């Protein structure tokens, strides 16, 4: 698969199902960058990932505390950089130390720290429907060749789980391939927050 995968989620539950479908392909050292509209479901997607990785307790947004640690099948570090104002603040928080090879890192507003992300990661962009309903457009882009295979697995798992959750509306795969939506180039700064040097 080249490019990205796009899915329309019609509810928070479907967004959580997508997150749970990602869990089986995530391994320690993996980084997932979540970006998009405010209130589009980044934390909801993380809840699905955490549930799929065996986290038993509640999973909440780390907007005000910046970092949550969860124990599941693997350790999970859930970070939100929305309230930080500079790359230096992210570094002062210990971002590089949080990139532990024994943990999975999930970064909300990850596009703001693009220069700090490793050479391979999963980029997920969530956008609200323009008419204000519950629908969300979700695009998954892998950075690094191993993500192509992983995303194919996610597609199969998510289609199966979404069909099981809503058999009456099953109509084949919910995903579309988007050849123009390849992984963002690390040199592309057009979407980065204007933090300066």
C-alpha atoms as a PDB file:
ATOM      1  CA  UNK A   1       0.000   0.000   0.000  1.00  0.00           C
ATOM      2  CA  UNK A   2       1.277   3.434  -0.900  1.00  0.00           C
ATOM      3  CA  UNK A   3      -0.239   6.628   0.405  1.00  0.00           C
ATOM      4  CA  UNK A   4      -2.722   6.615   3.235  1.00  0.00           C
ATOM      5  CA  UNK A   5      -5.925   5.013   4.411  1.00  0.00           C
ATOM      6  CA  UNK A   6      -9.051   7.092   4.977  1.00  0.00           C
ATOM      7  CA  UNK A   7     -12.043   6.078   7.070  1.00  0.00           C
ATOM      8  CA  UNK A   8     -15.190   7.932   8.065  1.00  0.00           C
ATOM      9  CA  UNK A   9     -16.066   7.251  11.694  1.00  0.00           C
ATOM     10  CA  UNK A  10     -19.739   7.843  12.447  1.00  0.00           C
ATOM     11  CA  UNK A  11     -19.483   7.802  16.240  1.00  0.00           C
ATOM     12  CA  UNK A  12     -17.139   7.832  19.221  1.00  0.00           C
ATOM     13  CA  UNK A  13     -17.623   4.065  19.467  1.00  0.00           C
ATOM     14  CA  UNK A  14     -16.412   3.572  15.891  1.00  0.00           C
ATOM     15  CA  UNK A  15     -13.380   5.763  16.641  1.00  0.00           C
ATOM     16  CA  UNK A  16     -12.616   3.576  19.659  1.00  0.00           C
ATOM     17  CA  UNK A  17     -12.984   0.464  17.474  1.00  0.00           C
ATOM     18  CA  UNK A  18     -10.401   1.898  15.072  1.00  0.00           C
ATOM     19  CA  UNK A  19      -8.079   2.480  18.040  1.00  0.00           C
ATOM     20  CA  UNK A  20      -8.589  -1.092  19.247  1.00  0.00           C
ATOM     21  CA  UNK A  21      -7.787  -2.282  15.708  1.00  0.00           C
ATOM     22  CA  UNK A  22      -4.447  -0.479  15.876  1.00  0.00           C
ATOM     23  CA  UNK A  23      -3.454  -2.096  19.173  1.00  0.00           C
ATOM     24  CA  UNK A  24      -2.385  -5.508  17.771  1.00  0.00           C
ATOM     25  CA  UNK A  25       0.198  -3.950  15.425  1.00  0.00           C
ATOM     26  CA  UNK A  26       1.748  -1.596  17.996  1.00  0.00           C
ATOM     27  CA  UNK A  27       4.997  -2.633  19.604  1.00  0.00           C
ATOM     28  CA  UNK A  28       7.337  -1.037  22.139  1.00  0.00           C
ATOM     29  CA  UNK A  29       9.236   1.787  20.468  1.00  0.00           C
ATOM     30  CA  UNK A  30       6.332   2.706  18.169  1.00  0.00           C
ATOM     31  CA  UNK A  31       5.230   6.342  18.075  1.00  0.00           C
ATOM     32  CA  UNK A  32       1.766   7.493  16.999  1.00  0.00           C
ATOM     33  CA  UNK A  33       1.236  11.169  16.191  1.00  0.00           C
ATOM     34  CA  UNK A  34      -2.380  12.361  16.444  1.00  0.00           C
ATOM     35  CA  UNK A  35      -3.328  15.628  14.795  1.00  0.00           C
ATOM     36  CA  UNK A  36      -6.379  17.447  13.466  1.00  0.00           C
ATOM     37  CA  UNK A  37      -9.273  19.499  14.724  1.00  0.00           C
ATOM     38  CA  UNK A  38      -9.841  20.353  18.359  1.00  0.00           C
ATOM     39  CA  UNK A  39     -12.467  17.942  19.698  1.00  0.00           C
ATOM     40  CA  UNK A  40     -12.181  15.585  16.704  1.00  0.00           C
ATOM     41  CA  UNK A  41     -11.572  12.482  18.819  1.00  0.00           C
ATOM     42  CA  UNK A  42      -7.843  12.157  19.426  1.00  0.00           C
ATOM     43  CA  UNK A  43      -8.319  11.064  23.049  1.00  0.00           C
ATOM     44  CA  UNK A  44     -11.229   8.832  22.017  1.00  0.00           C
ATOM     45  CA  UNK A  45      -8.926   7.037  19.578  1.00  0.00           C
ATOM     46  CA  UNK A  46      -6.296   6.687  22.325  1.00  0.00           C
ATOM     47  CA  UNK A  47      -8.966   5.135  24.573  1.00  0.00           C
ATOM     48  CA  UNK A  48      -9.516   2.451  21.941  1.00  0.00           C
ATOM     49  CA  UNK A  49      -5.781   1.811  21.589  1.00  0.00           C
ATOM     50  CA  UNK A  50      -5.371   1.562  25.363  1.00  0.00           C
ATOM     51  CA  UNK A  51      -8.339  -0.800  25.712  1.00  0.00           C
ATOM     52  CA  UNK A  52      -6.903  -2.973  22.938  1.00  0.00           C
ATOM     53  CA  UNK A  53      -3.606  -3.080  24.833  1.00  0.00           C
ATOM     54  CA  UNK A  54      -5.264  -4.211  28.055  1.00  0.00           C
ATOM     55  CA  UNK A  55      -5.388  -0.933  30.004  1.00  0.00           C
ATOM     56  CA  UNK A  56      -8.102  -1.479  32.620  1.00  0.00           C
ATOM     57  CA  UNK A  57      -8.537   1.986  34.133  1.00  0.00           C
ATOM     58  CA  UNK A  58      -9.901   5.195  32.637  1.00  0.00           C
ATOM     59  CA  UNK A  59      -7.953   6.920  29.859  1.00  0.00           C
ATOM     60  CA  UNK A  60      -8.305  10.697  29.864  1.00  0.00           C
ATOM     61  CA  UNK A  61      -6.835  13.626  27.998  1.00  0.00           C
ATOM     62  CA  UNK A  62      -3.450  14.746  29.336  1.00  0.00           C
ATOM     63  CA  UNK A  63      -4.057  18.336  28.176  1.00  0.00           C
ATOM     64  CA  UNK A  64      -3.453  19.881  31.607  1.00  0.00           C
ATOM     65  CA  UNK A  65      -0.964  17.391  33.049  1.00  0.00           C
ATOM     66  CA  UNK A  66       0.823  16.911  29.683  1.00  0.00           C
ATOM     67  CA  UNK A  67       1.738  13.229  30.148  1.00  0.00           C
ATOM     68  CA  UNK A  68      -0.120  10.111  31.325  1.00  0.00           C
ATOM     69  CA  UNK A  69       1.514   6.710  31.799  1.00  0.00           C
ATOM     70  CA  UNK A  70      -0.576   3.547  31.422  1.00  0.00           C
ATOM     71  CA  UNK A  71       0.303  -0.085  32.001  1.00  0.00           C
ATOM     72  CA  UNK A  72      -1.161  -2.627  29.608  1.00  0.00           C
ATOM     73  CA  UNK A  73       0.327  -5.345  27.433  1.00  0.00           C
ATOM     74  CA  UNK A  74       3.130  -2.803  26.957  1.00  0.00           C
ATOM     75  CA  UNK A  75       3.730   0.491  28.763  1.00  0.00           C
ATOM     76  CA  UNK A  76       1.975   3.433  27.093  1.00  0.00           C
ATOM     77  CA  UNK A  77       3.034   7.076  27.261  1.00  0.00           C
ATOM     78  CA  UNK A  78       0.198   9.439  26.292  1.00  0.00           C
ATOM     79  CA  UNK A  79       1.340  13.023  25.752  1.00  0.00           C
ATOM     80  CA  UNK A  80      -0.502  16.205  24.762  1.00  0.00           C
ATOM     81  CA  UNK A  81       1.638  19.136  23.596  1.00  0.00           C
ATOM     82  CA  UNK A  82      -1.268  21.511  22.831  1.00  0.00           C
ATOM     83  CA  UNK A  83      -0.564  23.836  25.762  1.00  0.00           C
ATOM     84  CA  UNK A  84       3.183  24.040  25.188  1.00  0.00           C
ATOM     85  CA  UNK A  85       4.509  27.110  23.410  1.00  0.00           C
ATOM     86  CA  UNK A  86       7.878  26.063  22.052  1.00  0.00           C
ATOM     87  CA  UNK A  87       9.970  23.092  21.024  1.00  0.00           C
ATOM     88  CA  UNK A  88      12.234  23.917  23.968  1.00  0.00           C
ATOM     89  CA  UNK A  89       9.312  23.431  26.386  1.00  0.00           C
ATOM     90  CA  UNK A  90       8.726  19.999  24.872  1.00  0.00           C
ATOM     91  CA  UNK A  91      12.417  19.152  25.284  1.00  0.00           C
ATOM     92  CA  UNK A  92      12.371  20.480  28.871  1.00  0.00           C
ATOM     93  CA  UNK A  93       9.454  18.149  29.561  1.00  0.00           C
ATOM     94  CA  UNK A  94      11.811  15.290  28.738  1.00  0.00           C
ATOM     95  CA  UNK A  95      10.393  14.315  25.349  1.00  0.00           C
ATOM     96  CA  UNK A  96      13.553  12.553  24.239  1.00  0.00           C
ATOM     97  CA  UNK A  97      13.646  10.513  27.457  1.00  0.00           C
ATOM     98  CA  UNK A  98       9.962   9.624  27.002  1.00  0.00           C
ATOM     99  CA  UNK A  99      10.771   8.020  23.641  1.00  0.00           C
ATOM    100  CA  UNK A 100      11.501   4.803  25.502  1.00  0.00           C
ATOM    101  CA  UNK A 101      12.160   1.687  23.433  1.00  0.00           C
ATOM    102  CA  UNK A 102      10.104  -0.283  25.995  1.00  0.00           C
ATOM    103  CA  UNK A 103       6.949   1.854  25.594  1.00  0.00           C
ATOM    104  CA  UNK A 104       4.451   2.913  22.956  1.00  0.00           C
ATOM    105  CA  UNK A 105       4.182   6.699  22.695  1.00  0.00           C
ATOM    106  CA  UNK A 106       0.931   8.417  21.648  1.00  0.00           C
ATOM    107  CA  UNK A 107       1.345  12.169  21.015  1.00  0.00           C
ATOM    108  CA  UNK A 108      -1.689  14.429  20.648  1.00  0.00           C
ATOM    109  CA  UNK A 109      -0.949  17.440  18.428  1.00  0.00           C
ATOM    110  CA  UNK A 110       2.090  15.546  17.161  1.00  0.00           C
ATOM    111  CA  UNK A 111       2.411  17.766  14.097  1.00  0.00           C
ATOM    112  CA  UNK A 112       3.660  20.482  16.456  1.00  0.00           C
ATOM    113  CA  UNK A 113       6.695  18.374  17.358  1.00  0.00           C
ATOM    114  CA  UNK A 114       7.363  16.943  13.914  1.00  0.00           C
ATOM    115  CA  UNK A 115      11.120  17.704  14.071  1.00  0.00           C
ATOM    116  CA  UNK A 116      11.359  15.613  17.273  1.00  0.00           C
ATOM    117  CA  UNK A 117       9.548  12.543  15.971  1.00  0.00           C
ATOM    118  CA  UNK A 118      11.626   9.482  15.101  1.00  0.00           C
ATOM    119  CA  UNK A 119      12.320   8.377  11.528  1.00  0.00           C
ATOM    120  CA  UNK A 120       9.397   5.921  11.639  1.00  0.00           C
ATOM    121  CA  UNK A 121       6.003   6.599  13.151  1.00  0.00           C
ATOM    122  CA  UNK A 122       2.280   6.483  12.429  1.00  0.00           C
ATOM    123  CA  UNK A 123       0.551   9.764  11.650  1.00  0.00           C
ATOM    124  CA  UNK A 124      -3.211   9.904  12.270  1.00  0.00           C
ATOM    125  CA  UNK A 125      -5.213  12.978  11.296  1.00  0.00           C
ATOM    126  CA  UNK A 126      -8.779  13.423  12.574  1.00  0.00           C
ATOM    127  CA  UNK A 127     -11.159  16.044  11.141  1.00  0.00           C
ATOM    128  CA  UNK A 128     -14.718  16.866  12.150  1.00  0.00           C
ATOM    129  CA  UNK A 129     -17.464  16.817   9.533  1.00  0.00           C
ATOM    130  CA  UNK A 130     -18.111  20.318   8.175  1.00  0.00           C
ATOM    131  CA  UNK A 131     -21.852  20.106   8.941  1.00  0.00           C
ATOM    132  CA  UNK A 132     -21.236  19.570  12.664  1.00  0.00           C
ATOM    133  CA  UNK A 133     -22.565  16.026  12.988  1.00  0.00           C
ATOM    134  CA  UNK A 134     -20.718  13.180  14.755  1.00  0.00           C
ATOM    135  CA  UNK A 135     -18.862  11.987  11.653  1.00  0.00           C
ATOM    136  CA  UNK A 136     -15.070  12.214  11.616  1.00  0.00           C
ATOM    137  CA  UNK A 137     -12.689  11.807   8.706  1.00  0.00           C
ATOM    138  CA  UNK A 138      -9.658   9.825   9.868  1.00  0.00           C
ATOM    139  CA  UNK A 139      -6.526   9.418   7.748  1.00  0.00           C
ATOM    140  CA  UNK A 140      -3.702   7.047   8.673  1.00  0.00           C
ATOM    141  CA  UNK A 141      -0.264   7.591   7.120  1.00  0.00           C
ATOM    142  CA  UNK A 142       2.753   5.471   7.892  1.00  0.00           C
ATOM    143  CA  UNK A 143       6.246   6.927   7.960  1.00  0.00           C
ATOM    144  CA  UNK A 144       8.630   4.016   7.398  1.00  0.00           C
ATOM    145  CA  UNK A 145       8.180   1.002   5.159  1.00  0.00           C
ATOM    146  CA  UNK A 146       6.991  -1.386   7.884  1.00  0.00           C
ATOM    147  CA  UNK A 147       3.817   0.677   8.352  1.00  0.00           C
ATOM    148  CA  UNK A 148       2.442  -0.343   4.941  1.00  0.00           C
ATOM    149  CA  UNK A 149       2.041  -3.942   6.133  1.00  0.00           C
ATOM    150  CA  UNK A 150       0.827  -2.886   9.575  1.00  0.00           C
ATOM    151  CA  UNK A 151      -1.867  -0.626   8.089  1.00  0.00           C
ATOM    152  CA  UNK A 152      -3.142  -3.470   5.902  1.00  0.00           C
ATOM    153  CA  UNK A 153      -3.590  -5.509   9.092  1.00  0.00           C
ATOM    154  CA  UNK A 154      -5.381  -2.588  10.774  1.00  0.00           C
ATOM    155  CA  UNK A 155      -7.736  -2.289   7.792  1.00  0.00           C
ATOM    156  CA  UNK A 156      -8.734  -5.966   7.956  1.00  0.00           C
ATOM    157  CA  UNK A 157      -9.226  -5.920  11.729  1.00  0.00           C
ATOM    158  CA  UNK A 158     -11.156  -2.632  11.748  1.00  0.00           C
ATOM    159  CA  UNK A 159     -13.459  -3.704   8.907  1.00  0.00           C
ATOM    160  CA  UNK A 160     -14.254  -6.931  10.776  1.00  0.00           C
ATOM    161  CA  UNK A 161     -14.908  -5.187  14.114  1.00  0.00           C
ATOM    162  CA  UNK A 162     -16.930  -2.347  12.566  1.00  0.00           C
ATOM    163  CA  UNK A 163     -19.090  -4.860  10.669  1.00  0.00           C
ATOM    164  CA  UNK A 164     -19.666  -6.814  13.886  1.00  0.00           C
ATOM    165  CA  UNK A 165     -20.656  -3.624  15.739  1.00  0.00           C
ATOM    166  CA  UNK A 166     -23.094  -2.509  13.024  1.00  0.00           C
ATOM    167  CA  UNK A 167     -24.048  -5.538  10.890  1.00  0.00           C
ATOM    168  CA  UNK A 168     -27.106  -3.747   9.505  1.00  0.00           C
ATOM    169  CA  UNK A 169     -24.949  -1.089   7.845  1.00  0.00           C
ATOM    170  CA  UNK A 170     -22.168  -3.365   6.595  1.00  0.00           C
ATOM    171  CA  UNK A 171     -21.314  -2.607   2.983  1.00  0.00           C
ATOM    172  CA  UNK A 172     -17.774  -3.859   2.481  1.00  0.00           C
ATOM    173  CA  UNK A 173     -14.630  -2.053   3.514  1.00  0.00           C
ATOM    174  CA  UNK A 174     -15.038   1.317   5.197  1.00  0.00           C
ATOM    175  CA  UNK A 175     -11.548   2.376   4.094  1.00  0.00           C
ATOM    176  CA  UNK A 176     -10.392   4.060   0.931  1.00  0.00           C
ATOM    177  CA  UNK A 177      -6.824   4.220  -0.300  1.00  0.00           C
ATOM    178  CA  UNK A 178      -5.602   7.736  -0.796  1.00  0.00           C
ATOM    179  CA  UNK A 179      -2.530   7.666  -3.062  1.00  0.00           C
ATOM    180  CA  UNK A 180      -2.022  11.410  -2.666  1.00  0.00           C
ATOM    181  CA  UNK A 181      -1.899  11.049   1.112  1.00  0.00           C
ATOM    182  CA  UNK A 182       1.530   9.599   1.581  1.00  0.00           C
ATOM    183  CA  UNK A 183       3.503  10.117   4.732  1.00  0.00           C
ATOM    184  CA  UNK A 184       4.295  13.713   5.437  1.00  0.00           C
ATOM    185  CA  UNK A 185       7.781  14.669   4.401  1.00  0.00           C
ATOM    186  CA  UNK A 186       9.910  15.566   7.424  1.00  0.00           C
ATOM    187  CA  UNK A 187      11.014  18.670   5.532  1.00  0.00           C
ATOM    188  CA  UNK A 188       7.424  19.894   5.066  1.00  0.00           C
ATOM    189  CA  UNK A 189       6.928  22.569   7.696  1.00  0.00           C
ATOM    190  CA  UNK A 190       3.666  23.964   6.324  1.00  0.00           C
ATOM    191  CA  UNK A 191       1.558  22.246   9.005  1.00  0.00           C
ATOM    192  CA  UNK A 192       3.854  22.826  11.958  1.00  0.00           C
ATOM    193  CA  UNK A 193       2.949  25.236  14.700  1.00  0.00           C
ATOM    194  CA  UNK A 194       4.792  28.528  14.300  1.00  0.00           C
ATOM    195  CA  UNK A 195       7.011  28.189  17.357  1.00  0.00           C
ATOM    196  CA  UNK A 196      10.104  29.765  15.904  1.00  0.00           C
ATOM    197  CA  UNK A 197      13.547  28.360  16.542  1.00  0.00           C
END
